[in-house]
PDB file of N, CA and C in Angstrom:
ATOM      1  N   MET A   1     100.380  15.767 204.782  1.00  0.00           N
ATOM      2  CA  MET A   1     101.611  15.697 205.556  1.00  0.00           C
ATOM      3  C   MET A   1     101.867  14.288 206.091  1.00  0.00           C
ATOM      4  N   ALA A   2     100.809  13.571 206.470  1.00  0.00           N
ATOM      5  CA  ALA A   2     100.976  12.225 207.011  1.00  0.00           C
ATOM      6  C   ALA A   2     101.612  11.299 205.984  1.00  0.00           C
ATOM      7  N   ASP A   3     101.267  11.486 204.694  1.00  0.00           N
ATOM      8  CA  ASP A   3     101.842  10.643 203.642  1.00  0.00           C
ATOM      9  C   ASP A   3     103.345  10.839 203.556  1.00  0.00           C
ATOM     10  N   THR A   4     103.791  12.075 203.655  1.00  0.00           N
ATOM     11  CA  THR A   4     105.224  12.371 203.634  1.00  0.00           C
ATOM     12  C   THR A   4     105.909  11.740 204.843  1.00  0.00           C
ATOM     13  N   GLU A   5     105.290  11.853 206.013  1.00  0.00           N
ATOM     14  CA  GLU A   5     105.865  11.260 207.217  1.00  0.00           C
ATOM     15  C   GLU A   5     105.950   9.745 207.081  1.00  0.00           C
ATOM     16  N   ASP A   6     104.917   9.108 206.513  1.00  0.00           N
ATOM     17  CA  ASP A   6     104.933   7.661 206.312  1.00  0.00           C
ATOM     18  C   ASP A   6     106.108   7.259 205.435  1.00  0.00           C
ATOM     19  N   LYS A   7     106.372   8.027 204.382  1.00  0.00           N
ATOM     20  CA  LYS A   7     107.485   7.722 203.489  1.00  0.00           C
ATOM     21  C   LYS A   7     108.812   7.824 204.235  1.00  0.00           C
ATOM     22  N   HIS A   8     108.955   8.838 205.088  1.00  0.00           N
ATOM     23  CA  HIS A   8     110.175   8.975 205.885  1.00  0.00           C
ATOM     24  C   HIS A   8     110.352   7.750 206.775  1.00  0.00           C
ATOM     25  N   TYR A   9     109.296   7.369 207.462  1.00  0.00           N
ATOM     26  CA  TYR A   9     109.391   6.243 208.374  1.00  0.00           C
ATOM     27  C   TYR A   9     109.598   4.934 207.632  1.00  0.00           C
ATOM     28  N   ASP A  10     109.036   4.775 206.445  1.00  0.00           N
ATOM     29  CA  ASP A  10     109.277   3.576 205.656  1.00  0.00           C
ATOM     30  C   ASP A  10     110.761   3.435 205.363  1.00  0.00           C
ATOM     31  N   LEU A  11     111.406   4.501 204.950  1.00  0.00           N
ATOM     32  CA  LEU A  11     112.829   4.454 204.634  1.00  0.00           C
ATOM     33  C   LEU A  11     113.665   4.327 205.910  1.00  0.00           C
ATOM     34  N   GLU A  12     113.199   4.915 206.994  1.00  0.00           N
ATOM     35  CA  GLU A  12     113.880   4.732 208.268  1.00  0.00           C
ATOM     36  C   GLU A  12     113.833   3.260 208.669  1.00  0.00           C
ATOM     37  N   GLY A  13     112.675   2.656 208.527  1.00  0.00           N
ATOM     38  CA  GLY A  13     112.525   1.239 208.853  1.00  0.00           C
ATOM     39  C   GLY A  13     113.350   0.352 207.933  1.00  0.00           C
ATOM     40  N   ARG A  14     113.382   0.710 206.677  1.00  0.00           N
ATOM     41  CA  ARG A  14     114.149  -0.077 205.698  1.00  0.00           C
ATOM     42  C   ARG A  14     115.650  -0.005 205.984  1.00  0.00           C
ATOM     43  N   THR A  15     116.133   1.173 206.327  1.00  0.00           N
ATOM     44  CA  THR A  15     117.559   1.301 206.627  1.00  0.00           C
ATOM     45  C   THR A  15     117.900   0.602 207.947  1.00  0.00           C
ATOM     46  N   LEU A  16     116.984   0.631 208.900  1.00  0.00           N
ATOM     47  CA  LEU A  16     117.181  -0.088 210.165  1.00  0.00           C
ATOM     48  C   LEU A  16     117.244  -1.595 209.904  1.00  0.00           C
ATOM     49  N   LYS A  17     116.331  -2.087 209.085  1.00  0.00           N
ATOM     50  CA  LYS A  17     116.313  -3.511 208.737  1.00  0.00           C
ATOM     51  C   LYS A  17     117.605  -3.897 208.031  1.00  0.00           C
ATOM     52  N   PHE A  18     118.080  -3.045 207.136  1.00  0.00           N
ATOM     53  CA  PHE A  18     119.327  -3.311 206.429  1.00  0.00           C
ATOM     54  C   PHE A  18     120.475  -3.474 207.426  1.00  0.00           C
ATOM     55  N   ALA A  19     120.599  -2.553 208.370  1.00  0.00           N
ATOM     56  CA  ALA A  19     121.677  -2.632 209.358  1.00  0.00           C
ATOM     57  C   ALA A  19     121.549  -3.889 210.213  1.00  0.00           C
ATOM     58  N   ARG A  20     120.332  -4.209 210.624  1.00  0.00           N
ATOM     59  CA  ARG A  20     120.122  -5.426 211.431  1.00  0.00           C
ATOM     60  C   ARG A  20     120.453  -6.688 210.635  1.00  0.00           C
ATOM     61  N   ASP A  21     120.060  -6.700 209.367  1.00  0.00           N
ATOM     62  CA  ASP A  21     120.353  -7.855 208.510  1.00  0.00           C
ATOM     63  C   ASP A  21     121.855  -8.022 208.302  1.00  0.00           C
ATOM     64  N   VAL A  22     122.575  -6.917 208.174  1.00  0.00           N
ATOM     65  CA  VAL A  22     124.036  -6.979 208.037  1.00  0.00           C
ATOM     66  C   VAL A  22     124.649  -7.568 209.306  1.00  0.00           C
ATOM     67  N   ILE A  23     124.181  -7.131 210.458  1.00  0.00           N
ATOM     68  CA  ILE A  23     124.705  -7.654 211.723  1.00  0.00           C
ATOM     69  C   ILE A  23     124.443  -9.158 211.833  1.00  0.00           C
ATOM     70  N   LYS A  24     123.236  -9.559 211.508  1.00  0.00           N
ATOM     71  CA  LYS A  24     122.877 -10.984 211.554  1.00  0.00           C
ATOM     72  C   LYS A  24     123.762 -11.783 210.589  1.00  0.00           C
ATOM     73  N   PHE A  25     123.980 -11.248 209.389  1.00  0.00           N
ATOM     74  CA  PHE A  25     124.823 -11.896 208.394  1.00  0.00           C
ATOM     75  C   PHE A  25     126.255 -12.041 208.901  1.00  0.00           C
ATOM     76  N   THR A  26     126.804 -10.974 209.450  1.00  0.00           N
ATOM     77  CA  THR A  26     128.198 -11.027 209.910  1.00  0.00           C
ATOM     78  C   THR A  26     128.366 -11.970 211.096  1.00  0.00           C
ATOM     79  N   ASP A  27     127.334 -12.108 211.906  1.00  0.00           N
ATOM     80  CA  ASP A  27     127.409 -13.048 213.034  1.00  0.00           C
ATOM     81  C   ASP A  27     127.625 -14.483 212.564  1.00  0.00           C
ATOM     82  N   ALA A  28     127.177 -14.793 211.345  1.00  0.00           N
ATOM     83  CA  ALA A  28     127.277 -16.157 210.818  1.00  0.00           C
ATOM     84  C   ALA A  28     128.558 -16.411 210.024  1.00  0.00           C
ATOM     85  N   LEU A  29     129.346 -15.373 209.789  1.00  0.00           N
ATOM     86  CA  LEU A  29     130.542 -15.524 208.952  1.00  0.00           C
ATOM     87  C   LEU A  29     131.702 -16.175 209.703  1.00  0.00           C
ATOM     88  N   GLN A  30     132.563 -16.803 208.911  1.00  0.00           N
ATOM     89  CA  GLN A  30     133.790 -17.376 209.435  1.00  0.00           C
ATOM     90  C   GLN A  30     134.690 -16.245 209.924  1.00  0.00           C
ATOM     91  N   ARG A  31     135.326 -16.447 211.068  1.00  0.00           N
ATOM     92  CA  ARG A  31     136.168 -15.416 211.674  1.00  0.00           C
ATOM     93  C   ARG A  31     137.614 -15.533 211.207  1.00  0.00           C
ATOM     94  N   THR A  32     137.880 -15.063 210.000  1.00  0.00           N
ATOM     95  CA  THR A  32     139.268 -14.973 209.541  1.00  0.00           C
ATOM     96  C   THR A  32     139.747 -13.563 209.853  1.00  0.00           C
ATOM     97  N   ILE A  33     141.032 -13.359 209.791  1.00  0.00           N
ATOM     98  CA  ILE A  33     141.577 -12.023 210.060  1.00  0.00           C
ATOM     99  C   ILE A  33     140.970 -11.000 209.100  1.00  0.00           C
ATOM    100  N   ALA A  34     140.913 -11.344 207.818  1.00  0.00           N
ATOM    101  CA  ALA A  34     140.360 -10.421 206.821  1.00  0.00           C
ATOM    102  C   ALA A  34     138.873 -10.181 207.062  1.00  0.00           C
ATOM    103  N   ASN A  35     138.128 -11.250 207.292  1.00  0.00           N
ATOM    104  CA  ASN A  35     136.692 -11.090 207.491  1.00  0.00           C
ATOM    105  C   ASN A  35     136.363 -10.231 208.698  1.00  0.00           C
ATOM    106  N   VAL A  36     137.108 -10.397 209.771  1.00  0.00           N
ATOM    107  CA  VAL A  36     136.841  -9.600 210.978  1.00  0.00           C
ATOM    108  C   VAL A  36     136.961  -8.113 210.657  1.00  0.00           C
ATOM    109  N   GLU A  37     137.980  -7.736 209.912  1.00  0.00           N
ATOM    110  CA  GLU A  37     138.152  -6.325 209.543  1.00  0.00           C
ATOM    111  C   GLU A  37     137.032  -5.853 208.613  1.00  0.00           C
ATOM    112  N   MET A  38     136.655  -6.672 207.638  1.00  0.00           N
ATOM    113  CA  MET A  38     135.581  -6.302 206.706  1.00  0.00           C
ATOM    114  C   MET A  38     134.248  -6.194 207.448  1.00  0.00           C
ATOM    115  N   MET A  39     134.026  -7.105 208.392  1.00  0.00           N
ATOM    116  CA  MET A  39     132.769  -7.089 209.156  1.00  0.00           C
ATOM    117  C   MET A  39     132.651  -5.814 209.975  1.00  0.00           C
ATOM    118  N   LYS A  40     133.741  -5.386 210.598  1.00  0.00           N
ATOM    119  CA  LYS A  40     133.705  -4.132 211.362  1.00  0.00           C
ATOM    120  C   LYS A  40     133.302  -2.967 210.458  1.00  0.00           C
ATOM    121  N   GLN A  41     133.893  -2.932 209.283  1.00  0.00           N
ATOM    122  CA  GLN A  41     133.624  -1.837 208.355  1.00  0.00           C
ATOM    123  C   GLN A  41     132.173  -1.853 207.866  1.00  0.00           C
ATOM    124  N   VAL A  42     131.680  -3.024 207.479  1.00  0.00           N
ATOM    125  CA  VAL A  42     130.326  -3.091 206.925  1.00  0.00           C
ATOM    126  C   VAL A  42     129.275  -2.839 208.009  1.00  0.00           C
ATOM    127  N   ILE A  43     129.553  -3.247 209.226  1.00  0.00           N
ATOM    128  CA  ILE A  43     128.604  -2.957 210.317  1.00  0.00           C
ATOM    129  C   ILE A  43     128.527  -1.445 210.537  1.00  0.00           C
ATOM    130  N   ARG A  44     129.673  -0.776 210.537  1.00  0.00           N
ATOM    131  CA  ARG A  44     129.687   0.686 210.721  1.00  0.00           C
ATOM    132  C   ARG A  44     128.947   1.404 209.590  1.00  0.00           C
ATOM    133  N   SER A  45     129.302   1.056 208.362  1.00  0.00           N
ATOM    134  CA  SER A  45     128.708   1.781 207.229  1.00  0.00           C
ATOM    135  C   SER A  45     127.224   1.492 207.079  1.00  0.00           C
ATOM    136  N   SER A  46     126.802   0.253 207.316  1.00  0.00           N
ATOM    137  CA  SER A  46     125.375  -0.069 207.169  1.00  0.00           C
ATOM    138  C   SER A  46     124.540   0.644 208.233  1.00  0.00           C
ATOM    139  N   GLY A  47     125.062   0.748 209.441  1.00  0.00           N
ATOM    140  CA  GLY A  47     124.352   1.481 210.488  1.00  0.00           C
ATOM    141  C   GLY A  47     124.320   2.975 210.230  1.00  0.00           C
ATOM    142  N   SER A  48     125.361   3.462 209.594  1.00  0.00           N
ATOM    143  CA  SER A  48     125.460   4.882 209.303  1.00  0.00           C
ATOM    144  C   SER A  48     124.444   5.337 208.256  1.00  0.00           C
ATOM    145  N   VAL A  49     124.027   4.436 207.382  1.00  0.00           N
ATOM    146  CA  VAL A  49     123.020   4.794 206.372  1.00  0.00           C
ATOM    147  C   VAL A  49     121.765   5.308 207.075  1.00  0.00           C
ATOM    148  N   GLY A  50     121.230   4.512 207.976  1.00  0.00           N
ATOM    149  CA  GLY A  50     119.999   4.884 208.677  1.00  0.00           C
ATOM    150  C   GLY A  50     120.177   6.037 209.641  1.00  0.00           C
ATOM    151  N   ALA A  51     121.311   6.046 210.336  1.00  0.00           N
ATOM    152  CA  ALA A  51     121.561   7.128 211.292  1.00  0.00           C
ATOM    153  C   ALA A  51     121.591   8.479 210.579  1.00  0.00           C
ATOM    154  N   ASN A  52     122.225   8.523 209.424  1.00  0.00           N
ATOM    155  CA  ASN A  52     122.280   9.780 208.670  1.00  0.00           C
ATOM    156  C   ASN A  52     120.933  10.129 208.058  1.00  0.00           C
ATOM    157  N   TYR A  53     120.129   9.128 207.725  1.00  0.00           N
ATOM    158  CA  TYR A  53     118.798   9.414 207.208  1.00  0.00           C
ATOM    159  C   TYR A  53     117.924  10.041 208.300  1.00  0.00           C
ATOM    160  N   ILE A  54     118.041   9.547 209.514  1.00  0.00           N
ATOM    161  CA  ILE A  54     117.307  10.143 210.634  1.00  0.00           C
ATOM    162  C   ILE A  54     117.760  11.587 210.828  1.00  0.00           C
ATOM    163  N   GLU A  55     119.063  11.816 210.758  1.00  0.00           N
ATOM    164  CA  GLU A  55     119.589  13.178 210.870  1.00  0.00           C
ATOM    165  C   GLU A  55     119.065  14.072 209.746  1.00  0.00           C
ATOM    166  N   ALA A  56     118.972  13.517 208.543  1.00  0.00           N
ATOM    167  CA  ALA A  56     118.450  14.297 207.411  1.00  0.00           C
ATOM    168  C   ALA A  56     117.013  14.728 207.682  1.00  0.00           C
ATOM    169  N   ASN A  57     116.228  13.840 208.250  1.00  0.00           N
ATOM    170  CA  ASN A  57     114.832  14.166 208.536  1.00  0.00           C
ATOM    171  C   ASN A  57     114.694  15.237 209.612  1.00  0.00           C
ATOM    172  N   GLU A  58     115.733  15.426 210.391  1.00  0.00           N
ATOM    173  CA  GLU A  58     115.728  16.444 211.442  1.00  0.00           C
ATOM    174  C   GLU A  58     116.540  17.676 211.038  1.00  0.00           C
ATOM    175  N   SER A  59     116.933  17.748 209.786  1.00  0.00           N
ATOM    176  CA  SER A  59     117.797  18.838 209.336  1.00  0.00           C
ATOM    177  C   SER A  59     117.110  20.193 209.474  1.00  0.00           C
ATOM    178  N   LEU A  60     117.932  21.221 209.580  1.00  0.00           N
ATOM    179  CA  LEU A  60     117.432  22.571 209.787  1.00  0.00           C
ATOM    180  C   LEU A  60     117.297  23.360 208.487  1.00  0.00           C
ATOM    181  N   SER A  61     117.883  22.854 207.419  1.00  0.00           N
ATOM    182  CA  SER A  61     117.805  23.565 206.149  1.00  0.00           C
ATOM    183  C   SER A  61     117.826  22.566 205.002  1.00  0.00           C
ATOM    184  N   LYS A  62     117.467  23.035 203.825  1.00  0.00           N
ATOM    185  CA  LYS A  62     117.501  22.173 202.643  1.00  0.00           C
ATOM    186  C   LYS A  62     118.935  21.757 202.320  1.00  0.00           C
ATOM    187  N   LYS A  63     119.867  22.662 202.534  1.00  0.00           N
ATOM    188  CA  LYS A  63     121.279  22.365 202.268  1.00  0.00           C
ATOM    189  C   LYS A  63     121.782  21.259 203.206  1.00  0.00           C
ATOM    190  N   ASP A  64     121.420  21.354 204.473  1.00  0.00           N
ATOM    191  CA  ASP A  64     121.796  20.336 205.460  1.00  0.00           C
ATOM    192  C   ASP A  64     121.156  18.996 205.097  1.00  0.00           C
ATOM    193  N   PHE A  65     119.886  19.021 204.698  1.00  0.00           N
ATOM    194  CA  PHE A  65     119.188  17.807 204.289  1.00  0.00           C
ATOM    195  C   PHE A  65     119.914  17.144 203.123  1.00  0.00           C
ATOM    196  N   ALA A  66     120.235  17.922 202.105  1.00  0.00           N
ATOM    197  CA  ALA A  66     120.907  17.389 200.913  1.00  0.00           C
ATOM    198  C   ALA A  66     122.265  16.790 201.276  1.00  0.00           C
ATOM    199  N   MET A  67     123.008  17.462 202.155  1.00  0.00           N
ATOM    200  CA  MET A  67     124.317  16.957 202.554  1.00  0.00           C
ATOM    201  C   MET A  67     124.188  15.615 203.278  1.00  0.00           C
ATOM    202  N   ARG A  68     123.236  15.505 204.155  1.00  0.00           N
ATOM    203  CA  ARG A  68     123.055  14.252 204.913  1.00  0.00           C
ATOM    204  C   ARG A  68     122.583  13.118 204.005  1.00  0.00           C
ATOM    205  N   ILE A  69     121.741  13.433 203.036  1.00  0.00           N
ATOM    206  CA  ILE A  69     121.290  12.419 202.082  1.00  0.00           C
ATOM    207  C   ILE A  69     122.468  11.950 201.231  1.00  0.00           C
ATOM    208  N   LYS A  70     123.357  12.851 200.882  1.00  0.00           N
ATOM    209  CA  LYS A  70     124.565  12.458 200.140  1.00  0.00           C
ATOM    210  C   LYS A  70     125.427  11.520 200.987  1.00  0.00           C
ATOM    211  N   ILE A  71     125.479  11.768 202.283  1.00  0.00           N
ATOM    212  CA  ILE A  71     126.222  10.881 203.180  1.00  0.00           C
ATOM    213  C   ILE A  71     125.544   9.510 203.222  1.00  0.00           C
ATOM    214  N   CYS A  72     124.210   9.490 203.249  1.00  0.00           N
ATOM    215  CA  CYS A  72     123.483   8.208 203.210  1.00  0.00           C
ATOM    216  C   CYS A  72     123.864   7.415 201.968  1.00  0.00           C
ATOM    217  N   ARG A  73     123.891   8.106 200.839  1.00  0.00           N
ATOM    218  CA  ARG A  73     124.250   7.448 199.576  1.00  0.00           C
ATOM    219  C   ARG A  73     125.684   6.920 199.636  1.00  0.00           C
ATOM    220  N   LYS A  74     126.578   7.726 200.163  1.00  0.00           N
ATOM    221  CA  LYS A  74     127.984   7.317 200.280  1.00  0.00           C
ATOM    222  C   LYS A  74     128.127   6.092 201.181  1.00  0.00           C
ATOM    223  N   GLU A  75     127.430   6.074 202.295  1.00  0.00           N
ATOM    224  CA  GLU A  75     127.516   4.956 203.234  1.00  0.00           C
ATOM    225  C   GLU A  75     126.890   3.681 202.648  1.00  0.00           C
ATOM    226  N   ALA A  76     125.836   3.823 201.864  1.00  0.00           N
ATOM    227  CA  ALA A  76     125.232   2.662 201.204  1.00  0.00           C
ATOM    228  C   ALA A  76     126.208   2.071 200.183  1.00  0.00           C
ATOM    229  N   LYS A  77     126.872   2.958 199.427  1.00  0.00           N
ATOM    230  CA  LYS A  77     127.889   2.495 198.468  1.00  0.00           C
ATOM    231  C   LYS A  77     129.031   1.795 199.195  1.00  0.00           C
ATOM    232  N   GLU A  78     129.450   2.382 200.293  1.00  0.00           N
ATOM    233  CA  GLU A  78     130.541   1.797 201.071  1.00  0.00           C
ATOM    234  C   GLU A  78     130.133   0.431 201.630  1.00  0.00           C
ATOM    235  N   SER A  79     128.905   0.315 202.081  1.00  0.00           N
ATOM    236  CA  SER A  79     128.412  -0.974 202.583  1.00  0.00           C
ATOM    237  C   SER A  79     128.499  -2.044 201.501  1.00  0.00           C
ATOM    238  N   ARG A  80     128.096  -1.673 200.306  1.00  0.00           N
ATOM    239  CA  ARG A  80     128.161  -2.612 199.176  1.00  0.00           C
ATOM    240  C   ARG A  80     129.605  -3.044 198.933  1.00  0.00           C
ATOM    241  N   TYR A  81     130.517  -2.100 198.992  1.00  0.00           N
ATOM    242  CA  TYR A  81     131.935  -2.390 198.788  1.00  0.00           C
ATOM    243  C   TYR A  81     132.433  -3.414 199.810  1.00  0.00           C
ATOM    244  N   TRP A  82     132.182  -3.158 201.095  1.00  0.00           N
ATOM    245  CA  TRP A  82     132.662  -4.054 202.143  1.00  0.00           C
ATOM    246  C   TRP A  82     131.987  -5.416 202.052  1.00  0.00           C
ATOM    247  N   LEU A  83     130.705  -5.438 201.720  1.00  0.00           N
ATOM    248  CA  LEU A  83     130.019  -6.724 201.556  1.00  0.00           C
ATOM    249  C   LEU A  83     130.670  -7.545 200.445  1.00  0.00           C
ATOM    250  N   ASN A  84     131.039  -6.894 199.374  1.00  0.00           N
ATOM    251  CA  ASN A  84     131.682  -7.609 198.267  1.00  0.00           C
ATOM    252  C   ASN A  84     133.059  -8.151 198.649  1.00  0.00           C
ATOM    253  N   LEU A  85     133.711  -7.566 199.625  1.00  0.00           N
ATOM    254  CA  LEU A  85     135.019  -8.048 200.062  1.00  0.00           C
ATOM    255  C   LEU A  85     134.947  -9.196 201.069  1.00  0.00           C
ATOM    256  N   VAL A  86     133.826  -9.325 201.759  1.00  0.00           N
ATOM    257  CA  VAL A  86     133.682 -10.382 202.761  1.00  0.00           C
ATOM    258  C   VAL A  86     133.780 -11.746 202.084  1.00  0.00           C
ATOM    259  N   GLN A  87     134.542 -12.637 202.711  1.00  0.00           N
ATOM    260  CA  GLN A  87     134.712 -13.992 202.184  1.00  0.00           C
ATOM    261  C   GLN A  87     133.645 -14.905 202.764  1.00  0.00           C
ATOM    262  N   VAL A  88     132.942 -15.596 201.854  1.00  0.00           N
ATOM    263  CA  VAL A  88     131.863 -16.497 202.244  1.00  0.00           C
ATOM    264  C   VAL A  88     132.181 -17.878 201.688  1.00  0.00           C
ATOM    265  N   ASN A  89     132.003 -18.899 202.513  1.00  0.00           N
ATOM    266  CA  ASN A  89     132.275 -20.262 202.047  1.00  0.00           C
ATOM    267  C   ASN A  89     131.064 -21.174 202.217  1.00  0.00           C
ATOM    268  N   ASP A  90     129.891 -20.582 202.152  1.00  0.00           N
ATOM    269  CA  ASP A  90     128.657 -21.333 202.342  1.00  0.00           C
ATOM    270  C   ASP A  90     127.620 -20.803 201.353  1.00  0.00           C
ATOM    271  N   GLU A  91     126.902 -21.696 200.715  1.00  0.00           N
ATOM    272  CA  GLU A  91     125.931 -21.301 199.683  1.00  0.00           C
ATOM    273  C   GLU A  91     124.811 -20.421 200.254  1.00  0.00           C
ATOM    274  N   ASN A  92     124.327 -20.766 201.427  1.00  0.00           N
ATOM    275  CA  ASN A  92     123.262 -19.980 202.056  1.00  0.00           C
ATOM    276  C   ASN A  92     123.743 -18.571 202.385  1.00  0.00           C
ATOM    277  N   LEU A  93     124.953 -18.481 202.927  1.00  0.00           N
ATOM    278  CA  LEU A  93     125.514 -17.166 203.249  1.00  0.00           C
ATOM    279  C   LEU A  93     125.795 -16.363 201.987  1.00  0.00           C
ATOM    280  N   GLU A  94     126.184 -17.038 200.920  1.00  0.00           N
ATOM    281  CA  GLU A  94     126.416 -16.348 199.644  1.00  0.00           C
ATOM    282  C   GLU A  94     125.115 -15.722 199.141  1.00  0.00           C
ATOM    283  N   MET A  95     123.999 -16.436 199.327  1.00  0.00           N
ATOM    284  CA  MET A  95     122.697 -15.902 198.917  1.00  0.00           C
ATOM    285  C   MET A  95     122.326 -14.695 199.783  1.00  0.00           C
ATOM    286  N   GLN A  96     122.570 -14.790 201.086  1.00  0.00           N
ATOM    287  CA  GLN A  96     122.304 -13.659 201.974  1.00  0.00           C
ATOM    288  C   GLN A  96     123.150 -12.454 201.588  1.00  0.00           C
ATOM    289  N   LYS A  97     124.416 -12.711 201.283  1.00  0.00           N
ATOM    290  CA  LYS A  97     125.318 -11.646 200.865  1.00  0.00           C
ATOM    291  C   LYS A  97     124.794 -10.964 199.603  1.00  0.00           C
ATOM    292  N   SER A  98     124.348 -11.752 198.637  1.00  0.00           N
ATOM    293  CA  SER A  98     123.814 -11.197 197.389  1.00  0.00           C
ATOM    294  C   SER A  98     122.597 -10.318 197.646  1.00  0.00           C
ATOM    295  N   LEU A  99     121.731 -10.750 198.556  1.00  0.00           N
ATOM    296  CA  LEU A  99     120.550  -9.949 198.892  1.00  0.00           C
ATOM    297  C   LEU A  99     120.946  -8.638 199.569  1.00  0.00           C
ATOM    298  N   LEU A 100     121.946  -8.693 200.430  1.00  0.00           N
ATOM    299  CA  LEU A 100     122.413  -7.469 201.093  1.00  0.00           C
ATOM    300  C   LEU A 100     123.075  -6.521 200.109  1.00  0.00           C
ATOM    301  N   VAL A 101     123.850  -7.061 199.175  1.00  0.00           N
ATOM    302  CA  VAL A 101     124.470  -6.221 198.139  1.00  0.00           C
ATOM    303  C   VAL A 101     123.376  -5.572 197.301  1.00  0.00           C
ATOM    304  N   LYS A 102     122.340  -6.333 196.989  1.00  0.00           N
ATOM    305  CA  LYS A 102     121.214  -5.801 196.211  1.00  0.00           C
ATOM    306  C   LYS A 102     120.517  -4.671 196.980  1.00  0.00           C
ATOM    307  N   GLU A 103     120.295  -4.878 198.268  1.00  0.00           N
ATOM    308  CA  GLU A 103     119.650  -3.841 199.075  1.00  0.00           C
ATOM    309  C   GLU A 103     120.523  -2.595 199.175  1.00  0.00           C
ATOM    310  N   ALA A 104     121.821  -2.771 199.349  1.00  0.00           N
ATOM    311  CA  ALA A 104     122.732  -1.623 199.401  1.00  0.00           C
ATOM    312  C   ALA A 104     122.683  -0.856 198.080  1.00  0.00           C
ATOM    313  N   THR A 105     122.605  -1.575 196.980  1.00  0.00           N
ATOM    314  CA  THR A 105     122.511  -0.945 195.659  1.00  0.00           C
ATOM    315  C   THR A 105     121.203  -0.174 195.523  1.00  0.00           C
ATOM    316  N   GLU A 106     120.105  -0.776 195.958  1.00  0.00           N
ATOM    317  CA  GLU A 106     118.801  -0.099 195.888  1.00  0.00           C
ATOM    318  C   GLU A 106     118.776   1.144 196.760  1.00  0.00           C
ATOM    319  N   LEU A 107     119.336   1.050 197.959  1.00  0.00           N
ATOM    320  CA  LEU A 107     119.391   2.229 198.831  1.00  0.00           C
ATOM    321  C   LEU A 107     120.242   3.327 198.204  1.00  0.00           C
ATOM    322  N   THR A 108     121.342   2.943 197.571  1.00  0.00           N
ATOM    323  CA  THR A 108     122.187   3.920 196.873  1.00  0.00           C
ATOM    324  C   THR A 108     121.377   4.649 195.811  1.00  0.00           C
ATOM    325  N   LYS A 109     120.599   3.903 195.053  1.00  0.00           N
ATOM    326  CA  LYS A 109     119.772   4.507 193.999  1.00  0.00           C
ATOM    327  C   LYS A 109     118.679   5.404 194.571  1.00  0.00           C
ATOM    328  N   ILE A 110     118.060   4.973 195.651  1.00  0.00           N
ATOM    329  CA  ILE A 110     117.008   5.779 196.290  1.00  0.00           C
ATOM    330  C   ILE A 110     117.587   7.107 196.766  1.00  0.00           C
ATOM    331  N   PHE A 111     118.711   7.035 197.475  1.00  0.00           N
ATOM    332  CA  PHE A 111     119.317   8.272 197.974  1.00  0.00           C
ATOM    333  C   PHE A 111     119.853   9.124 196.830  1.00  0.00           C
ATOM    334  N   GLY A 112     120.317   8.492 195.772  1.00  0.00           N
ATOM    335  CA  GLY A 112     120.741   9.241 194.586  1.00  0.00           C
ATOM    336  C   GLY A 112     119.594  10.003 193.967  1.00  0.00           C
ATOM    337  N   ALA A 113     118.412   9.373 193.907  1.00  0.00           N
ATOM    338  CA  ALA A 113     117.224  10.048 193.352  1.00  0.00           C
ATOM    339  C   ALA A 113     116.818  11.217 194.240  1.00  0.00           C
ATOM    340  N   ILE A 114     116.935  11.061 195.549  1.00  0.00           N
ATOM    341  CA  ILE A 114     116.603  12.156 196.465  1.00  0.00           C
ATOM    342  C   ILE A 114     117.582  13.307 196.265  1.00  0.00           C
ATOM    343  N   VAL A 115     118.860  12.987 196.097  1.00  0.00           N
ATOM    344  CA  VAL A 115     119.875  14.024 195.863  1.00  0.00           C
ATOM    345  C   VAL A 115     119.546  14.794 194.589  1.00  0.00           C
ATOM    346  N   GLU A 116     119.175  14.076 193.537  1.00  0.00           N
ATOM    347  CA  GLU A 116     118.829  14.738 192.275  1.00  0.00           C
ATOM    348  C   GLU A 116     117.658  15.693 192.453  1.00  0.00           C
ATOM    349  N   LYS A 117     116.651  15.279 193.231  1.00  0.00           N
ATOM    350  CA  LYS A 117     115.504  16.158 193.497  1.00  0.00           C
ATOM    351  C   LYS A 117     115.950  17.411 194.264  1.00  0.00           C
ATOM    352  N   CYS A 118     116.861  17.214 195.200  1.00  0.00           N
ATOM    353  CA  CYS A 118     117.358  18.353 195.995  1.00  0.00           C
ATOM    354  C   CYS A 118     118.123  19.345 195.121  1.00  0.00           C
ATOM    355  N   ASP A 119     118.867  18.820 194.145  1.00  0.00           N
ATOM    356  CA  ASP A 119     119.704  19.659 193.289  1.00  0.00           C
ATOM    357  C   ASP A 119     118.910  20.345 192.187  1.00  0.00           C
ATOM    358  N   SER A 120     117.696  19.882 191.936  1.00  0.00           N
ATOM    359  CA  SER A 120     116.922  20.494 190.836  1.00  0.00           C
ATOM    360  C   SER A 120     116.030  21.608 191.300  1.00  0.00           C
TER     361      SER A 120
END
């Protein structure tokens, strides 16, 4: 049982780190009208990935768990979308953005694999 709990906490920590990294990234962005709106969206969706994963771990049924994991996947996809819309005019920030897009993609795949296990 401890191994399963460790895996839950690893993903909880990873999603928390993702949300914190997004916040740190957005703090460094240029404040254009478009960027401000995109930053609000990506901060919400990136935080929602982890929040819904915590809720999934506390779910009362397998159906509830599967639904919350699907929401995690949706929010990770949405985070990737908003990150791709953010305008960056600095090489270092572009690299950070690419890493965040990569992490959002990996989280999407992880949650997709969990959904597949739930459906089988």
